[in-house]
Protein backbone atom coordinates (compact mmCIF):
# COMPACT_ATOMS: atom_id res chain seq x y z
CA UNK A 1 0.00 0.00 0.00
CA UNK A 2 1.52 3.35 -0.98
CA UNK A 3 1.64 6.49 1.18
CA UNK A 4 -1.20 8.21 -0.68
CA UNK A 5 -3.53 5.24 -0.18
CA UNK A 6 -2.57 4.98 3.48
CA UNK A 7 -3.22 8.67 4.00
CA UNK A 8 -6.64 8.40 2.37
CA UNK A 9 -7.48 5.37 4.54
CA UNK A 10 -6.42 7.22 7.69
CA UNK A 11 -8.43 10.30 6.75
CA UNK A 12 -11.44 8.08 6.00
CA UNK A 13 -11.18 6.29 9.35
CA UNK A 14 -10.82 9.54 11.25
CA UNK A 15 -13.79 11.00 9.37
CA UNK A 16 -15.94 8.01 10.27
CA UNK A 17 -14.84 8.21 13.90
CA UNK A 18 -15.68 11.92 14.09
CA UNK A 19 -19.02 11.37 12.32
CA UNK A 20 -20.00 8.59 14.74
CA UNK A 21 -19.07 10.70 17.74
CA UNK A 22 -20.74 13.87 16.47
CA UNK A 23 -24.16 12.48 15.56
CA UNK A 24 -27.09 11.81 17.84
CA UNK A 25 -26.49 13.65 21.06
CA UNK A 26 -23.98 16.29 22.02
CA UNK A 27 -20.89 14.89 23.64
CA UNK A 28 -19.45 16.87 26.49
CA UNK A 29 -16.08 15.61 27.58
CA UNK A 30 -14.99 16.89 30.92
CA UNK A 31 -12.22 14.61 32.08
CA UNK A 32 -9.93 16.00 34.71
CA UNK A 33 -6.45 14.85 33.83
CA UNK A 34 -3.51 15.05 36.14
CA UNK A 35 -0.59 15.37 33.80
CA UNK A 36 1.79 16.75 36.41
CA UNK A 37 3.83 13.54 36.33
CA UNK A 38 3.78 13.15 32.53
CA UNK A 39 7.27 13.12 31.07
CA UNK A 40 7.41 12.68 27.30
CA UNK A 41 10.76 10.89 27.32
CA UNK A 42 10.43 9.65 23.75
CA UNK A 43 9.27 12.92 22.18
CA UNK A 44 11.80 14.59 19.95
CA UNK A 45 11.83 17.42 17.44
CA UNK A 46 11.65 14.72 14.77
CA UNK A 47 8.51 13.09 16.24
CA UNK A 48 6.52 15.95 17.74
CA UNK A 49 7.24 19.23 16.01
CA UNK A 50 5.28 21.17 13.45
CA UNK A 51 8.23 21.08 11.08
CA UNK A 52 8.74 17.30 11.18
CA UNK A 53 8.06 15.25 8.09
CA UNK A 54 5.35 12.62 8.43
CA UNK A 55 6.84 9.23 9.30
CA UNK A 56 4.50 6.90 7.43
CA UNK A 57 6.70 3.88 8.14
CA UNK A 58 6.06 4.35 11.85
CA UNK A 59 2.36 5.17 11.63
CA UNK A 60 1.56 2.52 9.03
CA UNK A 61 4.00 -0.19 10.06
CA UNK A 62 2.93 -3.33 8.20
CA UNK A 63 4.55 -5.60 10.79
CA UNK A 64 2.33 -4.69 13.75
CA UNK A 65 -1.19 -3.71 14.70
CA UNK A 66 -1.46 -0.30 16.34
CA UNK A 67 -3.92 0.25 19.20
CA UNK A 68 -6.31 3.10 19.72
CA UNK A 69 -8.02 2.77 23.08
CA UNK A 70 -11.16 4.68 23.94
CA UNK A 71 -11.74 4.69 27.68
CA UNK A 72 -15.22 5.43 29.02
CA UNK A 73 -15.73 5.59 32.77
CA UNK A 74 -18.65 3.72 34.34
CA UNK A 75 -20.27 7.05 35.24
CA UNK A 76 -19.92 8.38 31.71
CA UNK A 77 -21.27 5.13 30.24
CA UNK A 78 -24.31 5.34 32.49
CA UNK A 79 -24.92 8.96 31.51
CA UNK A 80 -24.73 7.93 27.84
CA UNK A 81 -27.25 5.12 28.42
CA UNK A 82 -29.56 7.47 30.35
CA UNK A 83 -29.37 10.03 27.55
CA UNK A 84 -30.10 7.38 24.93
CA UNK A 85 -33.09 6.13 26.95
CA UNK A 86 -34.41 9.70 27.33
CA UNK A 87 -34.10 10.27 23.58
CA UNK A 88 -35.26 6.90 22.22
CA UNK A 89 -37.07 5.07 25.02
CA UNK A 90 -36.23 1.90 26.86
CA UNK A 91 -34.07 -0.61 25.00
CA UNK A 92 -36.17 -3.02 22.90
CA UNK A 93 -39.38 -1.11 23.67
CA UNK A 94 -40.08 -0.87 19.95
CA UNK A 95 -40.97 2.84 19.91
CA UNK A 96 -38.69 5.34 18.25
CA UNK A 97 -39.48 9.03 18.05
CA UNK A 98 -38.92 10.00 14.41
CA UNK A 99 -38.52 13.65 15.36
CA UNK A 100 -41.52 14.81 13.34
PDB file of N, CA and C in Angstrom:
ATOM      1  N   UNK A   1       0.858  -1.177   0.000  1.00  0.00           N
ATOM      2  CA  UNK A   1       0.000   0.000   0.000  1.00  0.00           C
ATOM      3  C   UNK A   1       0.900   1.234   0.000  1.00  0.00           C
ATOM      4  N   UNK A   2       0.670   2.175  -0.913  1.00  0.00           N
ATOM      5  CA  UNK A   2       1.520   3.355  -0.976  1.00  0.00           C
ATOM      6  C   UNK A   2       1.082   4.415   0.033  1.00  0.00           C
ATOM      7  N   UNK A   3       1.905   5.449   0.177  1.00  0.00           N
ATOM      8  CA  UNK A   3       1.644   6.490   1.177  1.00  0.00           C
ATOM      9  C   UNK A   3       0.337   7.219   0.926  1.00  0.00           C
ATOM     10  N   UNK A   4       0.021   7.485  -0.332  1.00  0.00           N
ATOM     11  CA  UNK A   4      -1.197   8.206  -0.678  1.00  0.00           C
ATOM     12  C   UNK A   4      -2.431   7.403  -0.273  1.00  0.00           C
ATOM     13  N   UNK A   5      -2.407   6.105  -0.551  1.00  0.00           N
ATOM     14  CA  UNK A   5      -3.533   5.238  -0.184  1.00  0.00           C
ATOM     15  C   UNK A   5      -3.672   5.156   1.324  1.00  0.00           C
ATOM     16  N   UNK A   6      -2.554   5.040   2.015  1.00  0.00           N
ATOM     17  CA  UNK A   6      -2.571   4.980   3.482  1.00  0.00           C
ATOM     18  C   UNK A   6      -3.136   6.264   4.076  1.00  0.00           C
ATOM     19  N   UNK A   7      -2.725   7.385   3.513  1.00  0.00           N
ATOM     20  CA  UNK A   7      -3.221   8.670   3.997  1.00  0.00           C
ATOM     21  C   UNK A   7      -4.723   8.774   3.799  1.00  0.00           C
ATOM     22  N   UNK A   8      -5.204   8.360   2.627  1.00  0.00           N
ATOM     23  CA  UNK A   8      -6.641   8.400   2.368  1.00  0.00           C
ATOM     24  C   UNK A   8      -7.395   7.474   3.312  1.00  0.00           C
ATOM     25  N   UNK A   9      -6.845   6.305   3.595  1.00  0.00           N
ATOM     26  CA  UNK A   9      -7.481   5.375   4.539  1.00  0.00           C
ATOM     27  C   UNK A   9      -7.549   5.989   5.939  1.00  0.00           C
ATOM     28  N   UNK A  10      -6.451   6.590   6.367  1.00  0.00           N
ATOM     29  CA  UNK A  10      -6.422   7.217   7.687  1.00  0.00           C
ATOM     30  C   UNK A  10      -7.423   8.357   7.768  1.00  0.00           C
ATOM     31  N   UNK A  11      -7.471   9.184   6.761  1.00  0.00           N
ATOM     32  CA  UNK A  11      -8.428  10.296   6.746  1.00  0.00           C
ATOM     33  C   UNK A  11      -9.856   9.760   6.766  1.00  0.00           C
ATOM     34  N   UNK A  12     -10.118   8.695   6.017  1.00  0.00           N
ATOM     35  CA  UNK A  12     -11.441   8.082   6.003  1.00  0.00           C
ATOM     36  C   UNK A  12     -11.829   7.535   7.368  1.00  0.00           C
ATOM     37  N   UNK A  13     -10.900   6.846   8.019  1.00  0.00           N
ATOM     38  CA  UNK A  13     -11.180   6.290   9.348  1.00  0.00           C
ATOM     39  C   UNK A  13     -11.426   7.394  10.371  1.00  0.00           C
ATOM     40  N   UNK A  14     -10.629   8.425  10.329  1.00  0.00           N
ATOM     41  CA  UNK A  14     -10.819   9.543  11.249  1.00  0.00           C
ATOM     42  C   UNK A  14     -12.152  10.224  10.986  1.00  0.00           C
ATOM     43  N   UNK A  15     -12.512  10.383   9.722  1.00  0.00           N
ATOM     44  CA  UNK A  15     -13.791  11.004   9.374  1.00  0.00           C
ATOM     45  C   UNK A  15     -14.961  10.184   9.911  1.00  0.00           C
ATOM     46  N   UNK A  16     -14.874   8.872   9.754  1.00  0.00           N
ATOM     47  CA  UNK A  16     -15.940   8.009  10.272  1.00  0.00           C
ATOM     48  C   UNK A  16     -16.020   8.115  11.786  1.00  0.00           C
ATOM     49  N   UNK A  17     -14.881   8.101  12.447  1.00  0.00           N
ATOM     50  CA  UNK A  17     -14.841   8.211  13.905  1.00  0.00           C
ATOM     51  C   UNK A  17     -15.477   9.520  14.364  1.00  0.00           C
ATOM     52  N   UNK A  18     -15.122  10.619  13.724  1.00  0.00           N
ATOM     53  CA  UNK A  18     -15.683  11.922  14.086  1.00  0.00           C
ATOM     54  C   UNK A  18     -17.179  11.960  13.796  1.00  0.00           C
ATOM     55  N   UNK A  19     -17.602  11.402  12.673  1.00  0.00           N
ATOM     56  CA  UNK A  19     -19.016  11.366  12.322  1.00  0.00           C
ATOM     57  C   UNK A  19     -19.814  10.575  13.358  1.00  0.00           C
ATOM     58  N   UNK A  20     -19.312   9.419  13.749  1.00  0.00           N
ATOM     59  CA  UNK A  20     -20.003   8.593  14.741  1.00  0.00           C
ATOM     60  C   UNK A  20     -20.118   9.334  16.067  1.00  0.00           C
ATOM     61  N   UNK A  21     -19.052   9.995  16.463  1.00  0.00           N
ATOM     62  CA  UNK A  21     -19.072  10.705  17.743  1.00  0.00           C
ATOM     63  C   UNK A  21     -19.917  11.973  17.705  1.00  0.00           C
ATOM     64  N   UNK A  22     -20.064  12.574  16.534  1.00  0.00           N
ATOM     65  CA  UNK A  22     -20.740  13.870  16.469  1.00  0.00           C
ATOM     66  C   UNK A  22     -22.229  13.776  16.161  1.00  0.00           C
ATOM     67  N   UNK A  23     -22.744  12.613  15.880  1.00  0.00           N
ATOM     68  CA  UNK A  23     -24.159  12.483  15.561  1.00  0.00           C
ATOM     69  C   UNK A  23     -24.946  12.044  16.779  1.00  0.00           C
ATOM     70  N   UNK A  24     -26.231  12.265  16.736  1.00  0.00           N
ATOM     71  CA  UNK A  24     -27.093  11.812  17.841  1.00  0.00           C
ATOM     72  C   UNK A  24     -27.208  12.848  18.925  1.00  0.00           C
ATOM     73  N   UNK A  25     -26.400  12.741  19.922  1.00  0.00           N
ATOM     74  CA  UNK A  25     -26.490  13.653  21.058  1.00  0.00           C
ATOM     75  C   UNK A  25     -25.171  14.387  21.219  1.00  0.00           C
ATOM     76  N   UNK A  26     -25.235  15.564  21.811  1.00  0.00           N
ATOM     77  CA  UNK A  26     -23.984  16.291  22.023  1.00  0.00           C
ATOM     78  C   UNK A  26     -23.102  15.546  23.014  1.00  0.00           C
ATOM     79  N   UNK A  27     -21.836  15.552  22.755  1.00  0.00           N
ATOM     80  CA  UNK A  27     -20.886  14.894  23.641  1.00  0.00           C
ATOM     81  C   UNK A  27     -20.105  15.971  24.368  1.00  0.00           C
ATOM     82  N   UNK A  28     -20.195  15.929  25.658  1.00  0.00           N
ATOM     83  CA  UNK A  28     -19.449  16.870  26.486  1.00  0.00           C
ATOM     84  C   UNK A  28     -18.399  16.067  27.223  1.00  0.00           C
ATOM     85  N   UNK A  29     -17.164  16.345  26.939  1.00  0.00           N
ATOM     86  CA  UNK A  29     -16.081  15.612  27.578  1.00  0.00           C
ATOM     87  C   UNK A  29     -15.437  16.528  28.598  1.00  0.00           C
ATOM     88  N   UNK A  30     -15.574  16.125  29.834  1.00  0.00           N
ATOM     89  CA  UNK A  30     -14.986  16.888  30.923  1.00  0.00           C
ATOM     90  C   UNK A  30     -14.231  15.900  31.801  1.00  0.00           C
ATOM     91  N   UNK A  31     -13.024  15.592  31.377  1.00  0.00           N
ATOM     92  CA  UNK A  31     -12.222  14.608  32.080  1.00  0.00           C
ATOM     93  C   UNK A  31     -11.054  15.332  32.739  1.00  0.00           C
ATOM     94  N   UNK A  32     -11.074  15.376  34.052  1.00  0.00           N
ATOM     95  CA  UNK A  32      -9.932  16.001  34.714  1.00  0.00           C
ATOM     96  C   UNK A  32      -8.702  15.100  34.587  1.00  0.00           C
ATOM     97  N   UNK A  33      -7.670  15.620  34.006  1.00  0.00           N
ATOM     98  CA  UNK A  33      -6.450  14.850  33.831  1.00  0.00           C
ATOM     99  C   UNK A  33      -5.339  15.453  34.671  1.00  0.00           C
ATOM    100  N   UNK A  34      -4.671  14.600  35.386  1.00  0.00           N
ATOM    101  CA  UNK A  34      -3.512  15.050  36.137  1.00  0.00           C
ATOM    102  C   UNK A  34      -2.280  14.668  35.343  1.00  0.00           C
ATOM    103  N   UNK A  35      -1.756  15.627  34.633  1.00  0.00           N
ATOM    104  CA  UNK A  35      -0.588  15.375  33.803  1.00  0.00           C
ATOM    105  C   UNK A  35       0.688  15.909  34.442  1.00  0.00           C
ATOM    106  N   UNK A  36       0.630  16.172  35.742  1.00  0.00           N
ATOM    107  CA  UNK A  36       1.791  16.749  36.408  1.00  0.00           C
ATOM    108  C   UNK A  36       2.989  15.800  36.416  1.00  0.00           C
ATOM    109  N   UNK A  37       2.725  14.496  36.335  1.00  0.00           N
ATOM    110  CA  UNK A  37       3.830  13.541  36.332  1.00  0.00           C
ATOM    111  C   UNK A  37       4.152  13.005  34.937  1.00  0.00           C
ATOM    112  N   UNK A  38       3.546  13.600  33.902  1.00  0.00           N
ATOM    113  CA  UNK A  38       3.784  13.148  32.534  1.00  0.00           C
ATOM    114  C   UNK A  38       5.121  13.670  32.040  1.00  0.00           C
ATOM    115  N   UNK A  39       5.973  12.750  31.628  1.00  0.00           N
ATOM    116  CA  UNK A  39       7.269  13.119  31.073  1.00  0.00           C
ATOM    117  C   UNK A  39       7.409  12.465  29.704  1.00  0.00           C
ATOM    118  N   UNK A  40       7.311  13.248  28.644  1.00  0.00           N
ATOM    119  CA  UNK A  40       7.406  12.684  27.297  1.00  0.00           C
ATOM    120  C   UNK A  40       8.852  12.343  26.940  1.00  0.00           C
ATOM    121  N   UNK A  41       9.350  11.251  27.496  1.00  0.00           N
ATOM    122  CA  UNK A  41      10.763  10.894  27.317  1.00  0.00           C
ATOM    123  C   UNK A  41      11.113  10.519  25.885  1.00  0.00           C
ATOM    124  N   UNK A  42      10.124  10.062  25.120  1.00  0.00           N
ATOM    125  CA  UNK A  42      10.429   9.647  23.753  1.00  0.00           C
ATOM    126  C   UNK A  42      10.038  10.684  22.708  1.00  0.00           C
ATOM    127  N   UNK A  43       9.620  11.860  23.129  1.00  0.00           N
ATOM    128  CA  UNK A  43       9.273  12.918  22.181  1.00  0.00           C
ATOM    129  C   UNK A  43      10.540  13.643  21.760  1.00  0.00           C
ATOM    130  N   UNK A  44      10.662  13.841  20.471  1.00  0.00           N
ATOM    131  CA  UNK A  44      11.801  14.590  19.947  1.00  0.00           C
ATOM    132  C   UNK A  44      11.297  15.610  18.940  1.00  0.00           C
ATOM    133  N   UNK A  45      12.173  16.449  18.496  1.00  0.00           N
ATOM    134  CA  UNK A  45      11.835  17.419  17.445  1.00  0.00           C
ATOM    135  C   UNK A  45      11.379  16.678  16.184  1.00  0.00           C
ATOM    136  N   UNK A  46      11.983  15.523  15.945  1.00  0.00           N
ATOM    137  CA  UNK A  46      11.651  14.722  14.767  1.00  0.00           C
ATOM    138  C   UNK A  46      10.259  14.084  14.863  1.00  0.00           C
ATOM    139  N   UNK A  47       9.797  13.786  16.085  1.00  0.00           N
ATOM    140  CA  UNK A  47       8.509  13.093  16.239  1.00  0.00           C
ATOM    141  C   UNK A  47       7.349  14.006  16.605  1.00  0.00           C
ATOM    142  N   UNK A  48       7.631  15.142  17.222  1.00  0.00           N
ATOM    143  CA  UNK A  48       6.524  15.952  17.742  1.00  0.00           C
ATOM    144  C   UNK A  48       6.677  17.444  17.484  1.00  0.00           C
ATOM    145  N   UNK A  49       7.163  17.809  16.332  1.00  0.00           N
ATOM    146  CA  UNK A  49       7.242  19.235  16.013  1.00  0.00           C
ATOM    147  C   UNK A  49       6.417  19.522  14.766  1.00  0.00           C
ATOM    148  N   UNK A  50       6.074  20.763  14.605  1.00  0.00           N
ATOM    149  CA  UNK A  50       5.280  21.167  13.446  1.00  0.00           C
ATOM    150  C   UNK A  50       6.087  21.115  12.156  1.00  0.00           C
ATOM    151  N   UNK A  51       7.384  21.089  12.272  1.00  0.00           N
ATOM    152  CA  UNK A  51       8.230  21.081  11.084  1.00  0.00           C
ATOM    153  C   UNK A  51       8.679  19.675  10.680  1.00  0.00           C
ATOM    154  N   UNK A  52       8.310  18.672  11.472  1.00  0.00           N
ATOM    155  CA  UNK A  52       8.737  17.302  11.185  1.00  0.00           C
ATOM    156  C   UNK A  52       7.995  16.739   9.984  1.00  0.00           C
ATOM    157  N   UNK A  53       8.701  15.955   9.196  1.00  0.00           N
ATOM    158  CA  UNK A  53       8.065  15.249   8.090  1.00  0.00           C
ATOM    159  C   UNK A  53       7.276  14.071   8.650  1.00  0.00           C
ATOM    160  N   UNK A  54       6.157  13.756   7.996  1.00  0.00           N
ATOM    161  CA  UNK A  54       5.345  12.617   8.432  1.00  0.00           C
ATOM    162  C   UNK A  54       6.151  11.327   8.279  1.00  0.00           C
ATOM    163  N   UNK A  55       6.116  10.497   9.316  1.00  0.00           N
ATOM    164  CA  UNK A  55       6.836   9.226   9.297  1.00  0.00           C
ATOM    165  C   UNK A  55       5.830   8.112   9.040  1.00  0.00           C
ATOM    166  N   UNK A  56       5.506   7.895   7.787  1.00  0.00           N
ATOM    167  CA  UNK A  56       4.498   6.903   7.427  1.00  0.00           C
ATOM    168  C   UNK A  56       4.929   5.490   7.784  1.00  0.00           C
ATOM    169  N   UNK A  57       6.227   5.214   7.779  1.00  0.00           N
ATOM    170  CA  UNK A  57       6.702   3.878   8.136  1.00  0.00           C
ATOM    171  C   UNK A  57       6.368   3.562   9.589  1.00  0.00           C
ATOM    172  N   UNK A  58       6.402   4.556  10.434  1.00  0.00           N
ATOM    173  CA  UNK A  58       6.059   4.350  11.852  1.00  0.00           C
ATOM    174  C   UNK A  58       4.552   4.239  12.041  1.00  0.00           C
ATOM    175  N   UNK A  59       3.806   5.140  11.446  1.00  0.00           N
ATOM    176  CA  UNK A  59       2.356   5.168  11.626  1.00  0.00           C
ATOM    177  C   UNK A  59       1.689   3.985  10.961  1.00  0.00           C
ATOM    178  N   UNK A  60       2.170   3.609   9.789  1.00  0.00           N
ATOM    179  CA  UNK A  60       1.559   2.521   9.029  1.00  0.00           C
ATOM    180  C   UNK A  60       2.507   1.329   8.916  1.00  0.00           C
ATOM    181  N   UNK A  61       3.087   0.950  10.023  1.00  0.00           N
ATOM    182  CA  UNK A  61       3.997  -0.187  10.060  1.00  0.00           C
ATOM    183  C   UNK A  61       3.231  -1.464   9.727  1.00  0.00           C
ATOM    184  N   UNK A  62       3.622  -2.124   8.648  1.00  0.00           N
ATOM    185  CA  UNK A  62       2.926  -3.332   8.197  1.00  0.00           C
ATOM    186  C   UNK A  62       3.261  -4.563   9.030  1.00  0.00           C
ATOM    187  N   UNK A  63       4.162  -4.435   9.995  1.00  0.00           N
ATOM    188  CA  UNK A  63       4.549  -5.596  10.794  1.00  0.00           C
ATOM    189  C   UNK A  63       3.855  -5.655  12.150  1.00  0.00           C
ATOM    190  N   UNK A  64       3.019  -4.684  12.460  1.00  0.00           N
ATOM    191  CA  UNK A  64       2.333  -4.690  13.750  1.00  0.00           C
ATOM    192  C   UNK A  64       0.977  -4.011  13.656  1.00  0.00           C
ATOM    193  N   UNK A  65       0.136  -4.311  14.621  1.00  0.00           N
ATOM    194  CA  UNK A  65      -1.189  -3.705  14.700  1.00  0.00           C
ATOM    195  C   UNK A  65      -1.135  -2.621  15.775  1.00  0.00           C
ATOM    196  N   UNK A  66      -1.449  -1.409  15.383  1.00  0.00           N
ATOM    197  CA  UNK A  66      -1.459  -0.296  16.338  1.00  0.00           C
ATOM    198  C   UNK A  66      -2.759  -0.310  17.127  1.00  0.00           C
ATOM    199  N   UNK A  67      -2.726   0.195  18.349  1.00  0.00           N
ATOM    200  CA  UNK A  67      -3.917   0.251  19.199  1.00  0.00           C
ATOM    201  C   UNK A  67      -4.386   1.682  19.350  1.00  0.00           C
ATOM    202  N   UNK A  68      -5.684   1.812  19.436  1.00  0.00           N
ATOM    203  CA  UNK A  68      -6.312   3.104  19.717  1.00  0.00           C
ATOM    204  C   UNK A  68      -7.382   2.801  20.756  1.00  0.00           C
ATOM    205  N   UNK A  69      -7.105   3.108  21.998  1.00  0.00           N
ATOM    206  CA  UNK A  69      -8.021   2.771  23.084  1.00  0.00           C
ATOM    207  C   UNK A  69      -8.910   3.955  23.422  1.00  0.00           C
ATOM    208  N   UNK A  70     -10.203   3.689  23.496  1.00  0.00           N
ATOM    209  CA  UNK A  70     -11.163   4.682  23.942  1.00  0.00           C
ATOM    210  C   UNK A  70     -11.632   4.235  25.322  1.00  0.00           C
ATOM    211  N   UNK A  71     -11.397   5.047  26.314  1.00  0.00           N
ATOM    212  CA  UNK A  71     -11.744   4.691  27.684  1.00  0.00           C
ATOM    213  C   UNK A  71     -12.963   5.500  28.104  1.00  0.00           C
ATOM    214  N   UNK A  72     -13.993   4.797  28.541  1.00  0.00           N
ATOM    215  CA  UNK A  72     -15.222   5.430  29.018  1.00  0.00           C
ATOM    216  C   UNK A  72     -15.430   4.983  30.456  1.00  0.00           C
ATOM    217  N   UNK A  73     -15.519   5.940  31.364  1.00  0.00           N
ATOM    218  CA  UNK A  73     -15.733   5.588  32.770  1.00  0.00           C
ATOM    219  C   UNK A  73     -17.133   5.021  32.949  1.00  0.00           C
ATOM    220  N   UNK A  74     -17.333   4.303  34.048  1.00  0.00           N
ATOM    221  CA  UNK A  74     -18.648   3.721  34.342  1.00  0.00           C
ATOM    222  C   UNK A  74     -19.704   4.820  34.462  1.00  0.00           C
ATOM    223  N   UNK A  75     -19.335   5.929  35.077  1.00  0.00           N
ATOM    224  CA  UNK A  75     -20.272   7.045  35.243  1.00  0.00           C
ATOM    225  C   UNK A  75     -20.651   7.648  33.897  1.00  0.00           C
ATOM    226  N   UNK A  76     -19.659   7.817  33.025  1.00  0.00           N
ATOM    227  CA  UNK A  76     -19.923   8.381  31.705  1.00  0.00           C
ATOM    228  C   UNK A  76     -20.772   7.418  30.876  1.00  0.00           C
ATOM    229  N   UNK A  77     -20.490   6.127  30.967  1.00  0.00           N
ATOM    230  CA  UNK A  77     -21.268   5.131  30.239  1.00  0.00           C
ATOM    231  C   UNK A  77     -22.728   5.183  30.678  1.00  0.00           C
ATOM    232  N   UNK A  78     -22.940   5.275  31.982  1.00  0.00           N
ATOM    233  CA  UNK A  78     -24.309   5.339  32.489  1.00  0.00           C
ATOM    234  C   UNK A  78     -25.008   6.598  32.006  1.00  0.00           C
ATOM    235  N   UNK A  79     -24.299   7.719  31.982  1.00  0.00           N
ATOM    236  CA  UNK A  79     -24.923   8.956  31.505  1.00  0.00           C
ATOM    237  C   UNK A  79     -25.265   8.846  30.021  1.00  0.00           C
ATOM    238  N   UNK A  80     -24.443   8.139  29.252  1.00  0.00           N
ATOM    239  CA  UNK A  80     -24.729   7.926  27.835  1.00  0.00           C
ATOM    240  C   UNK A  80     -25.971   7.046  27.671  1.00  0.00           C
ATOM    241  N   UNK A  81     -26.078   5.986  28.471  1.00  0.00           N
ATOM    242  CA  UNK A  81     -27.250   5.116  28.418  1.00  0.00           C
ATOM    243  C   UNK A  81     -28.510   5.869  28.828  1.00  0.00           C
ATOM    244  N   UNK A  82     -28.408   6.678  29.898  1.00  0.00           N
ATOM    245  CA  UNK A  82     -29.557   7.466  30.349  1.00  0.00           C
ATOM    246  C   UNK A  82     -30.007   8.438  29.268  1.00  0.00           C
ATOM    247  N   UNK A  83     -29.054   9.094  28.619  1.00  0.00           N
ATOM    248  CA  UNK A  83     -29.372  10.035  27.554  1.00  0.00           C
ATOM    249  C   UNK A  83     -30.038   9.318  26.385  1.00  0.00           C
ATOM    250  N   UNK A  84     -29.512   8.151  26.024  1.00  0.00           N
ATOM    251  CA  UNK A  84     -30.100   7.380  24.933  1.00  0.00           C
ATOM    252  C   UNK A  84     -31.531   6.960  25.282  1.00  0.00           C
ATOM    253  N   UNK A  85     -31.754   6.536  26.524  1.00  0.00           N
ATOM    254  CA  UNK A  85     -33.090   6.133  26.953  1.00  0.00           C
ATOM    255  C   UNK A  85     -34.043   7.319  26.924  1.00  0.00           C
ATOM    256  N   UNK A  86     -33.577   8.494  27.360  1.00  0.00           N
ATOM    257  CA  UNK A  86     -34.412   9.699  27.329  1.00  0.00           C
ATOM    258  C   UNK A  86     -34.778  10.087  25.897  1.00  0.00           C
ATOM    259  N   UNK A  87     -33.858   9.881  24.972  1.00  0.00           N
ATOM    260  CA  UNK A  87     -34.099  10.268  23.585  1.00  0.00           C
ATOM    261  C   UNK A  87     -34.926   9.237  22.814  1.00  0.00           C
ATOM    262  N   UNK A  88     -34.679   7.941  23.067  1.00  0.00           N
ATOM    263  CA  UNK A  88     -35.259   6.903  22.218  1.00  0.00           C
ATOM    264  C   UNK A  88     -36.129   5.890  22.949  1.00  0.00           C
ATOM    265  N   UNK A  89     -36.264   6.017  24.260  1.00  0.00           N
ATOM    266  CA  UNK A  89     -37.073   5.070  25.019  1.00  0.00           C
ATOM    267  C   UNK A  89     -36.240   3.901  25.524  1.00  0.00           C
ATOM    268  N   UNK A  90     -36.891   3.054  26.272  1.00  0.00           N
ATOM    269  CA  UNK A  90     -36.231   1.902  26.857  1.00  0.00           C
ATOM    270  C   UNK A  90     -35.780   0.932  25.770  1.00  0.00           C
ATOM    271  N   UNK A  91     -34.630   0.337  25.964  1.00  0.00           N
ATOM    272  CA  UNK A  91     -34.069  -0.610  25.002  1.00  0.00           C
ATOM    273  C   UNK A  91     -35.075  -1.718  24.694  1.00  0.00           C
ATOM    274  N   UNK A  92     -35.262  -1.999  23.418  1.00  0.00           N
ATOM    275  CA  UNK A  92     -36.169  -3.019  22.904  1.00  0.00           C
ATOM    276  C   UNK A  92     -37.641  -2.730  23.188  1.00  0.00           C
ATOM    277  N   UNK A  93     -37.970  -1.452  23.438  1.00  0.00           N
ATOM    278  CA  UNK A  93     -39.382  -1.112  23.671  1.00  0.00           C
ATOM    279  C   UNK A  93     -40.154  -1.020  22.362  1.00  0.00           C
ATOM    280  N   UNK A  94     -39.434  -0.879  21.245  1.00  0.00           N
ATOM    281  CA  UNK A  94     -40.080  -0.867  19.948  1.00  0.00           C
ATOM    282  C   UNK A  94     -40.612   0.481  19.512  1.00  0.00           C
ATOM    283  N   UNK A  95     -40.473   1.512  20.325  1.00  0.00           N
ATOM    284  CA  UNK A  95     -40.967   2.837  19.907  1.00  0.00           C
ATOM    285  C   UNK A  95     -39.784   3.774  19.719  1.00  0.00           C
ATOM    286  N   UNK A  96     -39.752   4.390  18.558  1.00  0.00           N
ATOM    287  CA  UNK A  96     -38.687   5.343  18.246  1.00  0.00           C
ATOM    288  C   UNK A  96     -39.359   6.638  17.807  1.00  0.00           C
ATOM    289  N   UNK A  97     -38.976   7.730  18.433  1.00  0.00           N
ATOM    290  CA  UNK A  97     -39.477   9.034  18.046  1.00  0.00           C
ATOM    291  C   UNK A  97     -38.777   9.459  16.769  1.00  0.00           C
ATOM    292  N   UNK A  98     -39.526   9.645  15.707  1.00  0.00           N
ATOM    293  CA  UNK A  98     -38.920   9.999  14.414  1.00  0.00           C
ATOM    294  C   UNK A  98     -38.532  11.463  14.333  1.00  0.00           C
ATOM    295  N   UNK A  99     -38.883  12.237  15.353  1.00  0.00           N
ATOM    296  CA  UNK A  99     -38.523  13.646  15.359  1.00  0.00           C
ATOM    297  C   UNK A  99     -39.470  14.515  14.581  1.00  0.00           C
ATOM    298  N   UNK A 100     -40.593  13.980  14.115  1.00  0.00           N
ATOM    299  CA  UNK A 100     -41.519  14.809  13.340  1.00  0.00           C
ATOM    300  C   UNK A 100     -42.685  15.245  14.183  1.00  0.00           C
TER     301      UNK A 100
END
